[in-house]
Amino acid sequence: MARKRKGRDVNGWLVVDKPAGMTSTSVVNKVKWALQAKKAGHAGTLDPDATGVLAVALGEATKTVPYITDALKAYEFTIRLGQATNTDDAEGEVIATSDARPTDDEIKALLGGFVGDIMQVPPRYSAVKIDGQRAYKLAREGETFEVAARPLWVEELLLVDRPDADHAVLEMVCGKGGYVRSVARDLGEALGCHGHVVALRRVWSGPFEAEGGLSIEQIEAMAQSPDLDTYLRPLEEGLSDLPMVTATQEGAARLRNGNPGMVFASDVEYGEECWAAQDGRAVAVGRFKAGELHPSRVFNQ
């Protein structure tokens, strides 16, 4: 018999403004403890030194995590020009230097090459797997290996500030799997001066914004009290990029049992992925076919 999971049945999202120096897993564990929740996860890892929005899914909302992971995200980051590091951020060792410093116009002229459908090589110190092992583990052990380039959609990349000759502040909007450290590295190489990330903040992720996120201090202050529950966002926000259809009462009952159920739809095409609601609450996600939703995920809330 499976062991019963301890904690409360908490369903929804808690948006956290992650501080620097804390892992994404640590944030999730803190939220799970503070809400005494049975189940929690996050939608997209942030490096320990990065700050910004970390959307924590609780209970049934964990089933919507893939839709936030796949959504567009916006980052603001500062590049240190003139230096390359082995980790592509300030935590690593400097492995190359240059006295060259590009002008603002020279930087702007190259940004277009990093927009659209591009191929990006993740950092050697990253969580991508190489023959079943994490790249950062192999790198720390001094192993020789190559990281394959991966496709990435970059919606926008802009130079927003130039504090001094050694630093440039950029904003990037991109899809799933983007590495800001790789952008800094590759832009520095293209400019002929090297570069690495010294500050990184995720401004928004899908429908969630860092500006509306709770700090760790706020979460700790409201831990295990009803006050924290008031900041929970409905799990339906994790489905904001999908069209919604309305389930009939009988259809909702069938969907909850994992069977195709009748729904009302207006602007949904045959075979399109969508989510069904009854009284505004998500019942299931699936494919729309001939007046029915064929569920792939069912919500028990």
C-alpha atoms as a PDB file:
ATOM      1  CA  MET A   1       0.000   0.000   0.000  1.00  0.00           C
ATOM      2  CA  ALA A   2       1.327   3.420  -0.971  1.00  0.00           C
ATOM      3  CA  ARG A   3       2.235   5.683   1.930  1.00  0.00           C
ATOM      4  CA  LYS A   4      -0.187   8.569   2.370  1.00  0.00           C
ATOM      5  CA  ARG A   5       1.354  11.942   1.593  1.00  0.00           C
ATOM      6  CA  LYS A   6       1.384  14.288   4.587  1.00  0.00           C
ATOM      7  CA  GLY A   7       0.099  17.841   4.421  1.00  0.00           C
ATOM      8  CA  ARG A   8      -2.831  19.869   3.170  1.00  0.00           C
ATOM      9  CA  ASP A   9      -4.586  19.650  -0.165  1.00  0.00           C
ATOM     10  CA  VAL A  10      -3.535  23.055  -1.494  1.00  0.00           C
ATOM     11  CA  ASN A  11      -4.231  23.775  -5.160  1.00  0.00           C
ATOM     12  CA  GLY A  12      -2.964  26.842  -7.001  1.00  0.00           C
ATOM     13  CA  TRP A  13       0.103  28.973  -7.671  1.00  0.00           C
ATOM     14  CA  LEU A  14       2.245  31.053  -5.348  1.00  0.00           C
ATOM     15  CA  VAL A  15       4.441  33.569  -7.155  1.00  0.00           C
ATOM     16  CA  VAL A  16       7.791  34.127  -5.465  1.00  0.00           C
ATOM     17  CA  ASP A  17      10.365  36.838  -6.135  1.00  0.00           C
ATOM     18  CA  LYS A  18      13.393  34.601  -5.659  1.00  0.00           C
ATOM     19  CA  PRO A  19      16.400  36.155  -3.947  1.00  0.00           C
ATOM     20  CA  ALA A  20      20.000  35.606  -5.000  1.00  0.00           C
ATOM     21  CA  GLY A  21      21.879  32.820  -3.229  1.00  0.00           C
ATOM     22  CA  MET A  22      18.965  30.385  -3.041  1.00  0.00           C
ATOM     23  CA  THR A  23      18.249  27.430  -5.309  1.00  0.00           C
ATOM     24  CA  SER A  24      14.881  26.993  -6.977  1.00  0.00           C
ATOM     25  CA  THR A  25      14.406  23.704  -5.127  1.00  0.00           C
ATOM     26  CA  SER A  26      15.006  25.444  -1.805  1.00  0.00           C
ATOM     27  CA  VAL A  27      12.313  27.995  -2.666  1.00  0.00           C
ATOM     28  CA  VAL A  28       9.827  25.240  -3.476  1.00  0.00           C
ATOM     29  CA  ASN A  29      10.608  23.467  -0.205  1.00  0.00           C
ATOM     30  CA  LYS A  30      10.149  26.718   1.721  1.00  0.00           C
ATOM     31  CA  VAL A  31       6.750  27.336   0.102  1.00  0.00           C
ATOM     32  CA  LYS A  32       5.663  23.752   0.654  1.00  0.00           C
ATOM     33  CA  TRP A  33       6.560  24.024   4.345  1.00  0.00           C
ATOM     34  CA  ALA A  34       4.951  27.441   4.752  1.00  0.00           C
ATOM     35  CA  LEU A  35       1.658  26.252   3.257  1.00  0.00           C
ATOM     36  CA  GLN A  36       1.913  22.746   4.750  1.00  0.00           C
ATOM     37  CA  ALA A  37       1.141  21.502   1.242  1.00  0.00           C
ATOM     38  CA  LYS A  38       1.217  17.877   0.140  1.00  0.00           C
ATOM     39  CA  LYS A  39       2.687  18.558  -3.277  1.00  0.00           C
ATOM     40  CA  ALA A  40       4.657  21.388  -4.897  1.00  0.00           C
ATOM     41  CA  GLY A  41       6.863  22.074  -7.911  1.00  0.00           C
ATOM     42  CA  HIS A  42       8.157  25.001  -9.943  1.00  0.00           C
ATOM     43  CA  ALA A  43       7.885  26.143 -13.543  1.00  0.00           C
ATOM     44  CA  GLY A  44      11.431  26.746 -14.750  1.00  0.00           C
ATOM     45  CA  THR A  45      14.683  26.663 -12.780  1.00  0.00           C
ATOM     46  CA  LEU A  46      16.585  29.830 -11.951  1.00  0.00           C
ATOM     47  CA  ASP A  47      20.315  29.706 -11.201  1.00  0.00           C
ATOM     48  CA  PRO A  48      21.082  30.224  -7.493  1.00  0.00           C
ATOM     49  CA  ASP A  49      22.520  33.706  -8.094  1.00  0.00           C
ATOM     50  CA  ALA A  50      19.584  34.777 -10.278  1.00  0.00           C
ATOM     51  CA  THR A  51      16.585  36.671  -8.907  1.00  0.00           C
ATOM     52  CA  GLY A  52      13.023  37.193 -10.042  1.00  0.00           C
ATOM     53  CA  VAL A  53       9.818  35.325 -10.643  1.00  0.00           C
ATOM     54  CA  LEU A  54       9.675  31.683  -9.634  1.00  0.00           C
ATOM     55  CA  ALA A  55       6.127  30.380  -9.976  1.00  0.00           C
ATOM     56  CA  VAL A  56       5.511  27.580  -7.477  1.00  0.00           C
ATOM     57  CA  ALA A  57       2.706  25.158  -8.361  1.00  0.00           C
ATOM     58  CA  LEU A  58       0.814  23.435  -5.566  1.00  0.00           C
ATOM     59  CA  GLY A  59      -1.342  20.318  -5.672  1.00  0.00           C
ATOM     60  CA  GLU A  60      -3.392  20.027  -8.852  1.00  0.00           C
ATOM     61  CA  ALA A  61      -1.642  23.093 -10.305  1.00  0.00           C
ATOM     62  CA  THR A  62       1.478  20.942 -10.792  1.00  0.00           C
ATOM     63  CA  LYS A  63      -0.361  19.395 -13.745  1.00  0.00           C
ATOM     64  CA  THR A  64      -0.252  22.786 -15.492  1.00  0.00           C
ATOM     65  CA  VAL A  65       3.513  23.299 -15.015  1.00  0.00           C
ATOM     66  CA  PRO A  66       4.393  22.249 -18.613  1.00  0.00           C
ATOM     67  CA  TYR A  67       2.293  25.111 -20.003  1.00  0.00           C
ATOM     68  CA  ILE A  68       4.195  27.704 -17.977  1.00  0.00           C
ATOM     69  CA  THR A  69       7.519  26.042 -18.767  1.00  0.00           C
ATOM     70  CA  ASP A  70       6.700  26.335 -22.477  1.00  0.00           C
ATOM     71  CA  ALA A  71       5.492  29.956 -22.206  1.00  0.00           C
ATOM     72  CA  LEU A  72       7.550  33.015 -23.116  1.00  0.00           C
ATOM     73  CA  LYS A  73       9.745  34.494 -20.378  1.00  0.00           C
ATOM     74  CA  ALA A  74      11.499  37.849 -19.976  1.00  0.00           C
ATOM     75  CA  TYR A  75      14.926  38.402 -18.457  1.00  0.00           C
ATOM     76  CA  GLU A  76      16.961  41.480 -17.584  1.00  0.00           C
ATOM     77  CA  PHE A  77      20.671  40.788 -17.304  1.00  0.00           C
ATOM     78  CA  THR A  78      23.997  42.588 -17.053  1.00  0.00           C
ATOM     79  CA  ILE A  79      27.002  41.488 -19.109  1.00  0.00           C
ATOM     80  CA  ARG A  80      30.559  42.128 -17.953  1.00  0.00           C
ATOM     81  CA  LEU A  81      32.457  42.893 -21.139  1.00  0.00           C
ATOM     82  CA  GLY A  82      36.142  42.122 -21.552  1.00  0.00           C
ATOM     83  CA  GLN A  83      36.162  38.837 -19.634  1.00  0.00           C
ATOM     84  CA  ALA A  84      35.132  35.252 -20.313  1.00  0.00           C
ATOM     85  CA  THR A  85      34.674  32.751 -17.486  1.00  0.00           C
ATOM     86  CA  ASN A  86      34.485  28.963 -17.519  1.00  0.00           C
ATOM     87  CA  THR A  87      30.892  29.085 -16.174  1.00  0.00           C
ATOM     88  CA  ASP A  88      29.782  32.080 -18.291  1.00  0.00           C
ATOM     89  CA  ASP A  89      28.853  33.913 -15.074  1.00  0.00           C
ATOM     90  CA  ALA A  90      30.615  35.687 -12.218  1.00  0.00           C
ATOM     91  CA  GLU A  91      30.977  32.476 -10.173  1.00  0.00           C
ATOM     92  CA  GLY A  92      33.522  31.002 -12.557  1.00  0.00           C
ATOM     93  CA  GLU A  93      37.214  31.508 -13.198  1.00  0.00           C
ATOM     94  CA  VAL A  94      38.297  34.096 -15.755  1.00  0.00           C
ATOM     95  CA  ILE A  95      39.701  32.200 -18.737  1.00  0.00           C
ATOM     96  CA  ALA A  96      40.165  35.028 -21.277  1.00  0.00           C
ATOM     97  CA  THR A  97      40.365  38.818 -21.253  1.00  0.00           C
ATOM     98  CA  SER A  98      40.301  41.629 -23.790  1.00  0.00           C
ATOM     99  CA  ASP A  99      40.924  45.370 -23.734  1.00  0.00           C
ATOM    100  CA  ALA A 100      38.401  45.918 -26.516  1.00  0.00           C
ATOM    101  CA  ARG A 101      35.142  47.615 -25.558  1.00  0.00           C
ATOM    102  CA  PRO A 102      32.314  47.899 -28.099  1.00  0.00           C
ATOM    103  CA  THR A 103      30.192  50.994 -28.538  1.00  0.00           C
ATOM    104  CA  ASP A 104      26.448  50.966 -27.967  1.00  0.00           C
ATOM    105  CA  ASP A 105      25.885  51.008 -31.718  1.00  0.00           C
ATOM    106  CA  GLU A 106      28.205  48.037 -32.219  1.00  0.00           C
ATOM    107  CA  ILE A 107      26.276  46.048 -29.629  1.00  0.00           C
ATOM    108  CA  LYS A 108      22.891  46.964 -31.127  1.00  0.00           C
ATOM    109  CA  ALA A 109      24.086  46.042 -34.618  1.00  0.00           C
ATOM    110  CA  LEU A 110      24.718  42.431 -33.550  1.00  0.00           C
ATOM    111  CA  LEU A 111      21.614  41.811 -31.447  1.00  0.00           C
ATOM    112  CA  GLY A 112      19.493  40.954 -34.495  1.00  0.00           C
ATOM    113  CA  GLY A 113      21.579  37.827 -35.001  1.00  0.00           C
ATOM    114  CA  PHE A 114      20.319  36.512 -31.677  1.00  0.00           C
ATOM    115  CA  VAL A 115      16.613  37.044 -32.436  1.00  0.00           C
ATOM    116  CA  GLY A 116      14.178  34.575 -34.006  1.00  0.00           C
ATOM    117  CA  ASP A 117      14.838  30.866 -34.394  1.00  0.00           C
ATOM    118  CA  ILE A 118      18.441  30.400 -33.338  1.00  0.00           C
ATOM    119  CA  MET A 119      20.703  27.526 -32.303  1.00  0.00           C
ATOM    120  CA  GLN A 120      22.232  27.958 -28.862  1.00  0.00           C
ATOM    121  CA  VAL A 121      24.949  25.943 -27.113  1.00  0.00           C
ATOM    122  CA  PRO A 122      24.129  25.660 -23.379  1.00  0.00           C
ATOM    123  CA  PRO A 123      26.913  26.470 -20.900  1.00  0.00           C
ATOM    124  CA  ARG A 124      29.244  23.647 -19.912  1.00  0.00           C
ATOM    125  CA  TYR A 125      28.214  24.305 -16.333  1.00  0.00           C
ATOM    126  CA  SER A 126      24.510  23.594 -16.848  1.00  0.00           C
ATOM    127  CA  ALA A 127      22.000  20.857 -16.071  1.00  0.00           C
ATOM    128  CA  VAL A 128      21.822  19.499 -19.623  1.00  0.00           C
ATOM    129  CA  LYS A 129      22.612  15.802 -19.834  1.00  0.00           C
ATOM    130  CA  ILE A 130      25.633  14.383 -21.658  1.00  0.00           C
ATOM    131  CA  ASP A 131      25.419  10.580 -21.995  1.00  0.00           C
ATOM    132  CA  GLY A 132      23.121  10.462 -18.981  1.00  0.00           C
ATOM    133  CA  GLN A 133      25.184  12.754 -16.748  1.00  0.00           C
ATOM    134  CA  ARG A 134      24.729  16.450 -15.930  1.00  0.00           C
ATOM    135  CA  ALA A 135      27.138  18.688 -17.833  1.00  0.00           C
ATOM    136  CA  TYR A 136      28.113  20.637 -14.702  1.00  0.00           C
ATOM    137  CA  LYS A 137      29.168  17.405 -12.979  1.00  0.00           C
ATOM    138  CA  LEU A 138      31.402  16.434 -15.897  1.00  0.00           C
ATOM    139  CA  ALA A 139      32.831  19.964 -16.039  1.00  0.00           C
ATOM    140  CA  ARG A 140      33.671  19.948 -12.326  1.00  0.00           C
ATOM    141  CA  GLU A 141      35.438  16.605 -12.770  1.00  0.00           C
ATOM    142  CA  GLY A 142      37.533  18.037 -15.596  1.00  0.00           C
ATOM    143  CA  GLU A 143      36.058  15.765 -18.255  1.00  0.00           C
ATOM    144  CA  THR A 144      36.369  16.624 -21.950  1.00  0.00           C
ATOM    145  CA  PHE A 145      32.996  16.791 -23.687  1.00  0.00           C
ATOM    146  CA  GLU A 146      30.973  18.763 -26.211  1.00  0.00           C
ATOM    147  CA  VAL A 147      27.570  20.336 -25.573  1.00  0.00           C
ATOM    148  CA  ALA A 148      25.310  20.136 -28.617  1.00  0.00           C
ATOM    149  CA  ALA A 149      23.508  23.232 -29.873  1.00  0.00           C
ATOM    150  CA  ARG A 150      19.764  23.393 -29.234  1.00  0.00           C
ATOM    151  CA  PRO A 151      17.003  25.348 -30.960  1.00  0.00           C
ATOM    152  CA  LEU A 152      15.666  28.429 -29.157  1.00  0.00           C
ATOM    153  CA  TRP A 153      13.049  31.017 -30.035  1.00  0.00           C
ATOM    154  CA  VAL A 154      14.073  34.555 -29.053  1.00  0.00           C
ATOM    155  CA  GLU A 155      11.226  37.026 -29.332  1.00  0.00           C
ATOM    156  CA  GLU A 156      13.243  40.125 -28.465  1.00  0.00           C
ATOM    157  CA  LEU A 157      16.734  41.161 -27.370  1.00  0.00           C
ATOM    158  CA  LEU A 158      17.381  44.807 -26.524  1.00  0.00           C
ATOM    159  CA  LEU A 159      20.172  46.936 -25.085  1.00  0.00           C
ATOM    160  CA  VAL A 160      18.457  48.916 -22.307  1.00  0.00           C
ATOM    161  CA  ASP A 161      21.364  50.489 -20.395  1.00  0.00           C
ATOM    162  CA  ARG A 162      25.115  51.021 -20.526  1.00  0.00           C
ATOM    163  CA  PRO A 163      26.275  51.888 -16.981  1.00  0.00           C
ATOM    164  CA  ASP A 164      29.906  52.092 -18.092  1.00  0.00           C
ATOM    165  CA  ALA A 165      32.284  50.792 -20.752  1.00  0.00           C
ATOM    166  CA  ASP A 166      32.647  47.435 -18.967  1.00  0.00           C
ATOM    167  CA  HIS A 167      28.956  46.652 -18.580  1.00  0.00           C
ATOM    168  CA  ALA A 168      25.830  46.391 -20.742  1.00  0.00           C
ATOM    169  CA  VAL A 169      22.289  45.730 -19.541  1.00  0.00           C
ATOM    170  CA  LEU A 170      20.024  43.763 -21.894  1.00  0.00           C
ATOM    171  CA  GLU A 171      16.455  42.498 -21.885  1.00  0.00           C
ATOM    172  CA  MET A 172      15.502  39.247 -23.581  1.00  0.00           C
ATOM    173  CA  VAL A 173      12.141  37.603 -24.210  1.00  0.00           C
ATOM    174  CA  CYS A 174      12.511  33.960 -25.197  1.00  0.00           C
ATOM    175  CA  GLY A 175      10.887  30.550 -25.206  1.00  0.00           C
ATOM    176  CA  LYS A 176      11.651  27.361 -23.340  1.00  0.00           C
ATOM    177  CA  GLY A 177      15.238  26.318 -22.699  1.00  0.00           C
ATOM    178  CA  GLY A 178      17.032  29.621 -23.169  1.00  0.00           C
ATOM    179  CA  TYR A 179      20.333  30.230 -21.372  1.00  0.00           C
ATOM    180  CA  VAL A 180      21.105  33.883 -20.712  1.00  0.00           C
ATOM    181  CA  ARG A 181      24.684  32.942 -19.895  1.00  0.00           C
ATOM    182  CA  SER A 182      25.071  31.565 -23.423  1.00  0.00           C
ATOM    183  CA  VAL A 183      23.787  34.834 -24.894  1.00  0.00           C
ATOM    184  CA  ALA A 184      26.356  36.802 -22.887  1.00  0.00           C
ATOM    185  CA  ARG A 185      29.148  34.424 -23.922  1.00  0.00           C
ATOM    186  CA  ASP A 186      28.221  34.358 -27.610  1.00  0.00           C
ATOM    187  CA  LEU A 187      27.574  38.102 -27.849  1.00  0.00           C
ATOM    188  CA  GLY A 188      30.933  38.787 -26.226  1.00  0.00           C
ATOM    189  CA  GLU A 189      32.623  36.507 -28.747  1.00  0.00           C
ATOM    190  CA  ALA A 190      30.804  38.140 -31.655  1.00  0.00           C
ATOM    191  CA  LEU A 191      31.903  41.563 -30.409  1.00  0.00           C
ATOM    192  CA  GLY A 192      35.492  40.345 -30.092  1.00  0.00           C
ATOM    193  CA  CYS A 193      35.745  41.285 -26.428  1.00  0.00           C
ATOM    194  CA  HIS A 194      34.405  38.267 -24.449  1.00  0.00           C
ATOM    195  CA  GLY A 195      31.613  38.528 -21.903  1.00  0.00           C
ATOM    196  CA  HIS A 196      29.831  36.866 -19.014  1.00  0.00           C
ATOM    197  CA  VAL A 197      26.719  37.454 -16.888  1.00  0.00           C
ATOM    198  CA  VAL A 198      27.131  39.295 -13.582  1.00  0.00           C
ATOM    199  CA  ALA A 199      23.453  39.870 -12.755  1.00  0.00           C
ATOM    200  CA  LEU A 200      20.279  38.126 -13.919  1.00  0.00           C
ATOM    201  CA  ARG A 201      16.621  38.721 -13.117  1.00  0.00           C
ATOM    202  CA  ARG A 202      13.577  36.954 -14.566  1.00  0.00           C
ATOM    203  CA  VAL A 203      11.028  39.736 -14.929  1.00  0.00           C
ATOM    204  CA  TRP A 204       8.052  37.599 -15.950  1.00  0.00           C
ATOM    205  CA  SER A 205       7.220  34.040 -16.870  1.00  0.00           C
ATOM    206  CA  GLY A 206       3.994  33.444 -18.781  1.00  0.00           C
ATOM    207  CA  PRO A 207       1.235  35.205 -16.786  1.00  0.00           C
ATOM    208  CA  PHE A 208       3.357  35.603 -13.633  1.00  0.00           C
ATOM    209  CA  GLU A 209       5.410  38.724 -12.853  1.00  0.00           C
ATOM    210  CA  ALA A 210       8.231  39.204 -10.359  1.00  0.00           C
ATOM    211  CA  GLU A 211       6.767  42.548  -9.307  1.00  0.00           C
ATOM    212  CA  GLY A 212       3.760  40.772  -7.793  1.00  0.00           C
ATOM    213  CA  GLY A 213       5.791  38.001  -6.179  1.00  0.00           C
ATOM    214  CA  LEU A 214       6.289  37.435  -2.476  1.00  0.00           C
ATOM    215  CA  SER A 215       9.721  37.660  -0.883  1.00  0.00           C
ATOM    216  CA  ILE A 216      11.078  34.784   1.170  1.00  0.00           C
ATOM    217  CA  GLU A 217      10.834  37.041   4.225  1.00  0.00           C
ATOM    218  CA  GLN A 218       7.123  37.613   3.594  1.00  0.00           C
ATOM    219  CA  ILE A 219       6.530  33.889   3.149  1.00  0.00           C
ATOM    220  CA  GLU A 220       8.336  33.115   6.393  1.00  0.00           C
ATOM    221  CA  ALA A 221       6.381  35.793   8.253  1.00  0.00           C
ATOM    222  CA  MET A 222       3.033  34.340   7.097  1.00  0.00           C
ATOM    223  CA  ALA A 223       4.079  30.689   7.255  1.00  0.00           C
ATOM    224  CA  GLN A 224       1.443  28.184   8.346  1.00  0.00           C
ATOM    225  CA  SER A 225      -1.185  30.899   8.760  1.00  0.00           C
ATOM    226  CA  PRO A 226      -4.353  31.652   6.749  1.00  0.00           C
ATOM    227  CA  ASP A 227      -2.777  34.939   5.614  1.00  0.00           C
ATOM    228  CA  LEU A 228      -0.503  33.151   3.159  1.00  0.00           C
ATOM    229  CA  ASP A 229      -3.442  31.349   1.542  1.00  0.00           C
ATOM    230  CA  THR A 230      -4.827  34.706   0.394  1.00  0.00           C
ATOM    231  CA  TYR A 231      -1.869  35.069  -1.998  1.00  0.00           C
ATOM    232  CA  LEU A 232      -2.610  31.816  -3.817  1.00  0.00           C
ATOM    233  CA  ARG A 233      -3.464  32.224  -7.483  1.00  0.00           C
ATOM    234  CA  PRO A 234      -5.933  29.814  -9.138  1.00  0.00           C
ATOM    235  CA  LEU A 235      -4.477  26.874 -11.039  1.00  0.00           C
ATOM    236  CA  GLU A 236      -6.385  28.106 -14.118  1.00  0.00           C
ATOM    237  CA  GLU A 237      -3.761  30.870 -14.524  1.00  0.00           C
ATOM    238  CA  GLY A 238      -1.356  28.144 -15.580  1.00  0.00           C
ATOM    239  CA  LEU A 239      -3.631  27.453 -18.551  1.00  0.00           C
ATOM    240  CA  SER A 240      -3.880  31.052 -19.768  1.00  0.00           C
ATOM    241  CA  ASP A 241      -2.188  30.297 -23.101  1.00  0.00           C
ATOM    242  CA  LEU A 242      -4.774  27.613 -23.988  1.00  0.00           C
ATOM    243  CA  PRO A 243      -8.310  28.290 -25.254  1.00  0.00           C
ATOM    244  CA  MET A 244     -11.146  27.441 -22.865  1.00  0.00           C
ATOM    245  CA  VAL A 245     -14.284  25.422 -23.580  1.00  0.00           C
ATOM    246  CA  THR A 246     -17.282  24.930 -21.285  1.00  0.00           C
ATOM    247  CA  ALA A 247     -18.180  21.461 -20.108  1.00  0.00           C
ATOM    248  CA  THR A 248     -21.779  20.365 -19.665  1.00  0.00           C
ATOM    249  CA  GLN A 249     -22.656  18.898 -16.280  1.00  0.00           C
ATOM    250  CA  GLU A 250     -22.650  15.372 -17.687  1.00  0.00           C
ATOM    251  CA  GLY A 251     -19.545  16.124 -19.731  1.00  0.00           C
ATOM    252  CA  ALA A 252     -17.681  17.357 -16.653  1.00  0.00           C
ATOM    253  CA  ALA A 253     -18.549  14.165 -14.779  1.00  0.00           C
ATOM    254  CA  ARG A 254     -17.226  12.039 -17.644  1.00  0.00           C
ATOM    255  CA  LEU A 255     -14.065  14.145 -17.940  1.00  0.00           C
ATOM    256  CA  ARG A 256     -13.313  13.783 -14.235  1.00  0.00           C
ATOM    257  CA  ASN A 257     -13.336  10.038 -14.778  1.00  0.00           C
ATOM    258  CA  GLY A 258     -10.879  10.349 -17.642  1.00  0.00           C
ATOM    259  CA  ASN A 259     -13.457   9.839 -20.410  1.00  0.00           C
ATOM    260  CA  PRO A 260     -14.332  12.118 -23.371  1.00  0.00           C
ATOM    261  CA  GLY A 261     -17.002  14.609 -22.323  1.00  0.00           C
ATOM    262  CA  MET A 262     -19.341  16.992 -24.132  1.00  0.00           C
ATOM    263  CA  VAL A 263     -18.257  20.637 -24.214  1.00  0.00           C
ATOM    264  CA  PHE A 264     -19.394  23.890 -25.801  1.00  0.00           C
ATOM    265  CA  ALA A 265     -16.769  25.610 -27.954  1.00  0.00           C
ATOM    266  CA  SER A 266     -16.831  28.604 -30.266  1.00  0.00           C
ATOM    267  CA  ASP A 267     -13.344  29.394 -31.612  1.00  0.00           C
ATOM    268  CA  VAL A 268     -11.635  26.041 -31.083  1.00  0.00           C
ATOM    269  CA  GLU A 269     -10.549  23.967 -34.048  1.00  0.00           C
ATOM    270  CA  TYR A 270     -10.797  20.194 -34.359  1.00  0.00           C
ATOM    271  CA  GLY A 271      -7.825  18.536 -32.633  1.00  0.00           C
ATOM    272  CA  GLU A 272      -6.741  21.731 -30.866  1.00  0.00           C
ATOM    273  CA  GLU A 273      -5.513  21.476 -27.280  1.00  0.00           C
ATOM    274  CA  CYS A 274      -7.725  23.348 -24.826  1.00  0.00           C
ATOM    275  CA  TRP A 275      -9.050  23.172 -21.291  1.00  0.00           C
ATOM    276  CA  ALA A 276     -12.589  22.573 -20.115  1.00  0.00           C
ATOM    277  CA  ALA A 277     -14.199  24.496 -17.275  1.00  0.00           C
ATOM    278  CA  GLN A 278     -17.332  24.077 -15.236  1.00  0.00           C
ATOM    279  CA  ASP A 279     -18.420  27.101 -13.205  1.00  0.00           C
ATOM    280  CA  GLY A 280     -15.065  28.709 -13.995  1.00  0.00           C
ATOM    281  CA  ARG A 281     -12.981  25.882 -12.541  1.00  0.00           C
ATOM    282  CA  ALA A 282     -10.713  23.691 -14.646  1.00  0.00           C
ATOM    283  CA  VAL A 283     -11.932  20.138 -15.131  1.00  0.00           C
ATOM    284  CA  ALA A 284      -9.494  18.789 -17.711  1.00  0.00           C
ATOM    285  CA  VAL A 285      -7.032  19.538 -20.514  1.00  0.00           C
ATOM    286  CA  GLY A 286      -7.270  17.661 -23.780  1.00  0.00           C
ATOM    287  CA  ARG A 287      -8.011  17.728 -27.498  1.00  0.00           C
ATOM    288  CA  PHE A 288     -11.280  19.030 -28.894  1.00  0.00           C
ATOM    289  CA  LYS A 289     -12.954  16.589 -31.279  1.00  0.00           C
ATOM    290  CA  ALA A 290     -16.506  16.813 -32.611  1.00  0.00           C
ATOM    291  CA  GLY A 291     -18.114  18.483 -29.611  1.00  0.00           C
ATOM    292  CA  GLU A 292     -16.136  16.533 -27.046  1.00  0.00           C
ATOM    293  CA  LEU A 293     -12.933  17.042 -25.109  1.00  0.00           C
ATOM    294  CA  HIS A 294     -10.655  14.008 -25.050  1.00  0.00           C
ATOM    295  CA  PRO A 295      -8.732  14.504 -21.785  1.00  0.00           C
ATOM    296  CA  SER A 296      -5.001  14.140 -21.273  1.00  0.00           C
ATOM    297  CA  ARG A 297      -4.973  15.732 -17.802  1.00  0.00           C
ATOM    298  CA  VAL A 298      -7.800  15.726 -15.261  1.00  0.00           C
ATOM    299  CA  PHE A 299      -8.066  18.077 -12.291  1.00  0.00           C
ATOM    300  CA  ASN A 300      -9.500  17.050  -8.935  1.00  0.00           C
ATOM    301  CA  GLN A 301     -10.370  20.305  -7.218  1.00  0.00           C
END
